[in-house]
Amino acid sequence: MDLDAYFAENPMGGSFPTNPDFKSGFVTLVGRPNAGKSTLLNTIMGKKIAITSNTAQTTRHRFRAVHTTDDMQMIIVDTPGLHKPQDALGEELNTSAIKALEDVDVVAMLIDASKPIGRGDEWVAAQVRAAKGSAKICVLSKSDLASDAEISAQREAAEKLCDWDAMVALSAETGRNVDAFVEEVQFLLPEGPAWFPADMETDQPLEVMVAEFIREKILRNFFDEVPHAIGVAVEEMEFEKPNLYRIYAVIYVERDSQKGIIIGKRGAAIKRIGTEARKDLELLLGAKVFLDLSVKVRKNWRRDANQIRRFGYGEGA
C-alpha cells in the first residue's frame, strides 16, 4: 500500500483505537552510508523487507515501514546514506534523505560505534539539528563490533554533536538493545491514531521490492564500480494459480563491459544472481518464483536526473 495514496483517499487518517493512550508517528533513520539503518529497520520489523549490503548507496529509495503494537504505530522512514555526492544520483539520494527530516516526529541518527566520528557524521548531525520540531535520538549502532571502552568514548563524542532527547547503543545484527530503542521512540511519539492497518508492513510497491532484492544480489556478488552502475526494473510480474509468480526484470548497466561482467562466462554470473534472488523472493512473496533476468546498457544513466527518476530513486520514488 502506498502511504501517499492512502492519505489522499483517507484525508482524516484512521480512527483512534480503543486504547486512549495509543501513540503514532513518523520516525526517520538517518546517518552515513553503512551505518546500519536498513538492518535496524529489518530487525524491528522481524523480517527482511529492506535490502542490505556493505556497498555505499545500497538504499536508493526513501523506504517506509509500519511497525504496529497494541500501544503504538511507528512509521519508520529508512533513508539513503548521506554522503559527498559524485554524480546526479548521489545528489538525488542526498536530497531524498534530507527531505525525509521534514515534518517527522522523531529523527534517529545512527553512528557506527566501532568507528571514530568524522566530518561526515558531523555534517549529518548538522542536518539533524536543523530539523525543527522533531525529537532526536542518537543510535550508536554495531555495538557488537565495539568494546565497552569504545562505546563509552563514542557516547562522549556523540553528545557534542547535538542536544539529544535520548541515546541508545545497540546491535541490530544481534538484536541487543533494539527493544530499548523502540521503547525510547514510543516514549517520544505523540498520542495519535493508528493510521494504517495493523497488518500493513511497508508502502513500497511490490515491483520495487522485487527489483531491490535482485539488485542486492548484484551488490553482494560484484565489487569496484559495477554495483554503483546498476539499476533494476521489473518489466512484468504475473501471478499464476495456484502458487507461482512469473517475474521478468531488466538489469541496466552503463557500459558494454559491465554487461559482460553481469552475464559472466557462459551466463554463470547472471544465473547465480537469479538463483540467489529467487530464494529471497519466494520468502517475500510466499510462493514459487520463475525469474527471467536480462541485461541492457543505458549509458551514463547516473548522470541523467530524468533516468534516475524513471528508476524511482531519490525524489523520483
Protein backbone atom coordinates (compact mmCIF):
# COMPACT_ATOMS: atom_id res chain seq x y z
CA MET A 1 0.00 0.00 0.00
CA ASP A 2 1.29 3.46 -0.88
CA LEU A 3 1.13 5.86 2.08
CA ASP A 4 0.60 8.97 -0.06
CA ALA A 5 -2.27 7.28 -1.91
CA TYR A 6 -3.74 6.18 1.41
CA PHE A 7 -3.67 9.74 2.77
CA ALA A 8 -5.25 11.00 -0.45
CA GLU A 9 -8.10 8.50 -0.10
CA ASN A 10 -8.39 8.95 3.67
CA PRO A 11 -7.62 12.62 4.40
CA MET A 12 -8.66 12.29 8.04
CA GLY A 13 -6.44 9.24 8.51
CA GLY A 14 -7.50 6.32 10.68
CA SER A 15 -9.66 6.39 13.76
CA PHE A 16 -8.40 6.39 17.35
CA PRO A 17 -8.22 2.87 18.76
CA THR A 18 -9.95 1.89 21.98
CA ASN A 19 -6.67 2.46 23.83
CA PRO A 20 -6.83 6.21 24.74
CA ASP A 21 -3.06 6.35 25.27
CA PHE A 22 -2.21 4.98 21.81
CA LYS A 23 0.75 6.72 20.15
CA SER A 24 1.70 7.06 16.49
CA GLY A 25 4.06 8.99 14.27
CA PHE A 26 6.90 9.09 11.78
CA VAL A 27 10.46 8.11 12.72
CA THR A 28 13.24 8.89 10.23
CA LEU A 29 16.52 6.95 10.31
CA VAL A 30 19.49 8.95 9.03
CA GLY A 31 23.24 8.51 9.00
CA ARG A 32 26.26 7.97 6.81
CA PRO A 33 26.30 5.07 4.34
CA ASN A 34 26.56 1.65 6.03
CA ALA A 35 25.61 2.98 9.47
CA GLY A 36 23.12 0.12 9.81
CA LYS A 37 19.80 1.85 9.09
CA SER A 38 18.24 -0.85 6.91
CA THR A 39 19.44 -3.63 9.21
CA LEU A 40 17.81 -1.87 12.16
CA LEU A 41 14.57 -1.47 10.22
CA ASN A 42 14.52 -5.18 9.35
CA THR A 43 15.21 -6.18 12.96
CA ILE A 44 12.37 -4.02 14.25
CA MET A 45 10.01 -5.47 11.64
CA GLY A 46 11.11 -9.02 12.42
CA LYS A 47 11.69 -9.86 8.77
CA LYS A 48 13.68 -8.71 5.76
CA ILE A 49 11.89 -6.01 3.81
CA ALA A 50 14.81 -3.63 3.12
CA ILE A 51 17.96 -4.73 1.30
CA THR A 52 21.37 -4.52 2.96
CA SER A 53 25.00 -4.71 1.84
CA ASN A 54 28.39 -3.17 2.59
CA THR A 55 28.24 -1.10 -0.60
CA ALA A 56 27.57 2.63 -0.37
CA GLN A 57 24.23 3.74 -1.88
CA THR A 58 22.62 0.38 -1.11
CA THR A 59 19.45 2.25 -0.11
CA ARG A 60 18.25 4.35 -3.03
CA HIS A 61 14.60 4.68 -2.06
CA ARG A 62 13.12 6.56 0.84
CA PHE A 63 11.74 3.37 2.32
CA ARG A 64 8.87 3.37 4.79
CA ALA A 65 7.82 0.51 7.05
CA VAL A 66 4.95 0.35 9.54
CA HIS A 67 5.51 -1.26 12.95
CA THR A 68 2.31 -1.65 14.97
CA THR A 69 1.80 -2.92 18.53
CA ASP A 70 -1.16 -2.72 20.92
CA ASP A 71 0.18 0.60 22.21
CA MET A 72 1.66 2.38 19.21
CA GLN A 73 2.24 2.60 15.48
CA MET A 74 5.64 3.86 14.32
CA ILE A 75 6.13 4.59 10.64
CA ILE A 76 9.85 4.06 10.07
CA VAL A 77 11.47 6.01 7.25
CA ASP A 78 14.76 4.49 6.05
CA THR A 79 16.85 6.90 4.00
CA PRO A 80 19.83 6.74 1.66
CA GLY A 81 23.12 7.31 3.48
CA LEU A 82 24.16 10.97 3.49
CA HIS A 83 27.49 11.37 1.70
CA LYS A 84 29.50 13.65 -0.57
CA PRO A 85 27.83 13.14 -3.95
CA GLN A 86 29.90 12.22 -7.00
CA ASP A 87 27.12 12.38 -9.61
CA ALA A 88 23.45 13.27 -10.14
CA LEU A 89 22.35 10.04 -8.48
CA GLY A 90 24.27 10.93 -5.32
CA GLU A 91 22.72 14.39 -5.30
CA GLU A 92 19.23 12.91 -5.67
CA LEU A 93 19.82 10.47 -2.81
CA ASN A 94 21.08 13.23 -0.52
CA THR A 95 18.05 15.36 -1.37
CA SER A 96 15.75 12.45 -0.60
CA ALA A 97 17.41 11.80 2.77
CA ILE A 98 17.31 15.46 3.82
CA LYS A 99 13.66 15.83 2.80
CA ALA A 100 12.84 12.84 5.00
CA LEU A 101 13.78 15.01 8.00
CA GLU A 102 10.86 17.37 7.33
CA ASP A 103 7.67 17.12 9.37
CA VAL A 104 8.51 13.95 11.28
CA ASP A 105 8.03 13.24 14.96
CA VAL A 106 11.37 11.60 15.72
CA VAL A 107 14.75 11.70 13.97
CA ALA A 108 17.14 8.86 14.84
CA MET A 109 20.74 9.40 13.74
CA LEU A 110 22.79 6.23 13.50
CA ILE A 111 26.52 6.41 14.23
CA ASP A 112 28.74 3.35 13.84
CA ALA A 113 30.03 2.64 17.36
CA SER A 114 33.07 0.82 16.01
CA LYS A 115 34.47 3.77 14.01
CA PRO A 116 35.60 7.23 15.14
CA ILE A 117 33.19 10.08 14.49
CA GLY A 118 34.33 12.00 11.43
CA ARG A 119 33.41 15.02 9.34
CA GLY A 120 30.68 13.04 7.60
CA ASP A 121 28.95 12.35 10.91
CA GLU A 122 29.34 16.00 11.90
CA TRP A 123 27.68 17.08 8.64
CA VAL A 124 24.79 14.66 9.15
CA ALA A 125 24.37 15.91 12.72
CA ALA A 126 24.08 19.46 11.38
CA GLN A 127 21.14 18.35 9.22
CA VAL A 128 19.58 16.68 12.26
CA ARG A 129 19.97 19.83 14.38
CA ALA A 130 18.21 21.78 11.64
CA ALA A 131 15.15 19.50 11.81
CA LYS A 132 12.80 21.69 13.80
CA GLY A 133 10.02 20.25 15.93
CA SER A 134 11.37 16.69 15.97
CA ALA A 135 12.60 14.72 18.95
CA LYS A 136 16.14 13.45 18.38
CA ILE A 137 17.68 10.10 19.27
CA CYS A 138 21.33 9.17 18.83
CA VAL A 139 21.79 5.49 17.97
CA LEU A 140 25.27 4.05 18.45
CA SER A 141 24.93 1.13 16.04
CA LYS A 142 27.01 -2.02 15.55
CA SER A 143 27.80 -2.16 19.27
CA ASP A 144 28.67 -5.84 18.86
CA LEU A 145 31.79 -4.71 16.95
CA ALA A 146 32.95 -2.28 19.65
CA SER A 147 34.35 -2.73 23.16
CA ASP A 148 32.73 -1.14 26.20
CA ALA A 149 35.54 1.44 26.26
CA GLU A 150 34.98 2.30 22.58
CA ILE A 151 31.24 2.66 23.11
CA SER A 152 31.82 4.92 26.11
CA ALA A 153 34.21 7.11 24.11
CA GLN A 154 31.76 7.20 21.19
CA ARG A 155 28.95 8.19 23.51
CA GLU A 156 31.01 11.09 24.86
CA ALA A 157 31.89 12.26 21.34
CA ALA A 158 28.30 11.92 20.12
CA GLU A 159 26.96 14.02 22.99
CA LYS A 160 28.81 17.01 21.50
CA LEU A 161 27.05 16.70 18.13
CA CYS A 162 23.52 17.56 19.17
CA ASP A 163 21.17 18.11 22.10
CA TRP A 164 19.76 14.58 22.11
CA ASP A 165 16.50 13.56 23.73
CA ALA A 166 17.81 10.02 24.11
CA MET A 167 20.85 7.90 23.25
CA VAL A 168 20.93 4.13 22.73
CA ALA A 169 23.83 1.80 21.94
CA LEU A 170 22.52 -1.25 20.09
CA SER A 171 23.32 -4.04 17.67
CA ALA A 172 20.70 -4.70 15.03
CA GLU A 173 22.72 -7.75 13.98
CA THR A 174 22.35 -9.48 17.37
CA GLY A 175 19.19 -7.69 18.50
CA ARG A 176 20.88 -6.23 21.58
CA ASN A 177 19.03 -3.15 22.90
CA VAL A 178 16.79 -2.86 19.81
CA ASP A 179 13.78 -3.12 22.12
CA ALA A 180 15.25 -0.28 24.19
CA PHE A 181 15.37 1.88 21.05
CA VAL A 182 11.75 1.09 20.22
CA GLU A 183 10.75 1.98 23.79
CA GLU A 184 12.54 5.34 23.53
CA VAL A 185 10.73 6.06 20.27
CA GLN A 186 7.38 5.13 21.80
CA PHE A 187 8.03 7.48 24.72
CA LEU A 188 8.76 10.36 22.32
CA LEU A 189 5.88 9.78 19.90
CA PRO A 190 2.74 11.88 20.33
CA GLU A 191 -0.65 10.39 21.10
CA GLY A 192 -2.50 9.74 17.88
CA PRO A 193 -4.49 7.32 15.75
CA ALA A 194 -3.43 4.08 14.13
CA TRP A 195 -3.21 5.49 10.64
CA PHE A 196 -2.78 2.18 8.83
CA PRO A 197 -3.99 -1.41 9.11
CA ALA A 198 -2.10 -3.42 11.70
CA ASP A 199 -1.00 -5.95 9.08
CA MET A 200 0.50 -3.33 6.75
CA GLU A 201 4.31 -3.58 6.73
CA THR A 202 5.55 -1.19 4.02
CA ASP A 203 4.42 1.36 1.48
CA GLN A 204 6.78 0.10 -1.20
CA PRO A 205 5.12 -1.25 -4.36
CA LEU A 206 5.79 -4.96 -4.72
CA GLU A 207 7.57 -4.46 -8.05
CA VAL A 208 10.02 -2.05 -6.42
CA MET A 209 10.80 -4.50 -3.62
CA VAL A 210 11.38 -7.28 -6.15
CA ALA A 211 13.75 -5.08 -8.17
CA GLU A 212 15.64 -4.15 -5.00
CA PHE A 213 16.01 -7.77 -3.88
CA ILE A 214 17.57 -8.53 -7.28
CA ARG A 215 19.89 -5.51 -7.02
CA GLU A 216 21.00 -6.63 -3.57
CA LYS A 217 22.41 -9.86 -5.02
CA ILE A 218 24.45 -7.84 -7.52
CA LEU A 219 25.77 -5.63 -4.72
CA ARG A 220 26.90 -8.71 -2.81
CA ASN A 221 28.48 -10.51 -5.78
CA PHE A 222 30.37 -7.70 -7.54
CA PHE A 223 32.81 -5.01 -6.49
CA ASP A 224 34.54 -1.83 -7.67
CA GLU A 225 32.36 0.36 -9.89
CA VAL A 226 29.92 -2.29 -11.13
CA PRO A 227 27.41 -2.22 -8.20
CA HIS A 228 27.06 1.56 -8.40
CA ALA A 229 26.32 1.41 -12.14
CA ILE A 230 23.39 -0.99 -11.70
CA GLY A 231 19.71 -0.17 -11.93
CA VAL A 232 16.98 -2.82 -11.90
CA ALA A 233 13.44 -2.56 -13.24
CA VAL A 234 10.65 -5.14 -13.20
CA GLU A 235 9.08 -5.20 -16.66
CA GLU A 236 6.35 -7.73 -15.96
CA MET A 237 5.07 -9.60 -12.94
CA GLU A 238 2.20 -12.07 -13.04
CA PHE A 239 0.70 -14.46 -10.51
CA GLU A 240 -0.43 -17.82 -11.81
CA LYS A 241 -2.63 -20.03 -9.71
CA PRO A 242 -2.16 -21.97 -7.61
CA ASN A 243 1.24 -20.76 -6.37
CA LEU A 244 3.60 -19.20 -8.93
CA TYR A 245 4.88 -15.73 -9.76
CA ARG A 246 6.40 -15.11 -13.18
CA ILE A 247 8.78 -12.15 -12.99
CA TYR A 248 10.62 -10.56 -15.90
CA ALA A 249 13.24 -7.99 -14.86
CA VAL A 250 15.94 -5.98 -16.60
CA ILE A 251 19.33 -5.17 -15.10
CA TYR A 252 20.60 -1.88 -16.54
CA VAL A 253 24.30 -1.04 -16.73
CA GLU A 254 26.20 1.95 -18.11
CA ARG A 255 28.76 0.23 -20.35
CA ASP A 256 29.06 -2.84 -22.57
CA SER A 257 31.96 -4.12 -20.45
CA GLN A 258 29.71 -4.10 -17.35
CA LYS A 259 27.08 -6.06 -19.25
CA GLY A 260 29.64 -8.78 -19.89
CA ILE A 261 30.61 -8.88 -16.22
CA ILE A 262 27.00 -9.22 -15.06
CA ILE A 263 26.26 -12.01 -17.55
CA GLY A 264 29.55 -13.81 -16.88
CA LYS A 265 31.22 -16.64 -18.76
CA ARG A 266 28.51 -18.76 -20.39
CA GLY A 267 25.90 -16.89 -18.33
CA ALA A 268 27.25 -18.19 -15.00
CA ALA A 269 27.13 -14.82 -13.17
CA ILE A 270 23.57 -13.88 -14.08
CA LYS A 271 22.44 -17.42 -13.28
CA ARG A 272 23.95 -17.06 -9.79
CA ILE A 273 22.20 -13.71 -9.31
CA GLY A 274 18.90 -15.26 -10.34
CA THR A 275 19.28 -18.28 -8.08
CA GLU A 276 20.11 -16.18 -5.01
CA ALA A 277 17.38 -13.62 -5.70
CA ARG A 278 14.75 -16.29 -6.28
CA LYS A 279 15.30 -17.75 -2.79
CA ASP A 280 14.64 -14.40 -1.11
CA LEU A 281 11.75 -13.56 -3.41
CA GLU A 282 9.99 -16.83 -2.61
CA LEU A 283 10.19 -15.95 1.09
CA LEU A 284 8.95 -12.42 0.39
CA LEU A 285 6.07 -13.49 -1.85
CA GLY A 286 5.17 -16.76 -0.15
CA ALA A 287 5.05 -18.54 -3.50
CA LYS A 288 7.24 -20.22 -6.09
CA VAL A 289 9.04 -17.80 -8.41
CA PHE A 290 10.04 -18.06 -12.06
CA LEU A 291 12.59 -15.29 -12.57
CA ASP A 292 13.76 -14.16 -16.00
CA LEU A 293 16.67 -11.68 -15.98
CA SER A 294 18.10 -9.75 -18.94
CA VAL A 295 20.82 -7.09 -19.13
CA LYS A 296 20.69 -3.85 -21.11
CA VAL A 297 23.02 -0.87 -21.47
CA ARG A 298 21.75 2.61 -20.62
CA LYS A 299 24.81 4.80 -20.97
CA ASN A 300 25.66 7.19 -18.11
CA TRP A 301 22.21 6.92 -16.53
CA ARG A 302 23.55 8.05 -13.13
CA ARG A 303 24.31 11.48 -14.58
CA ASP A 304 20.83 11.96 -16.01
CA ALA A 305 18.23 13.13 -13.47
CA ASN A 306 15.37 12.03 -15.73
CA GLN A 307 16.77 8.50 -15.99
CA ILE A 308 17.31 8.37 -12.23
CA ARG A 309 13.70 9.30 -11.60
CA ARG A 310 12.49 6.69 -14.08
CA PHE A 311 14.13 4.09 -11.84
CA GLY A 312 12.29 5.64 -8.89
CA TYR A 313 15.45 6.55 -7.00
CA GLY A 314 15.79 9.59 -4.76
CA GLU A 315 12.89 12.01 -5.04
CA GLY A 316 11.58 10.03 -8.01
CA ALA A 317 10.42 7.33 -5.58
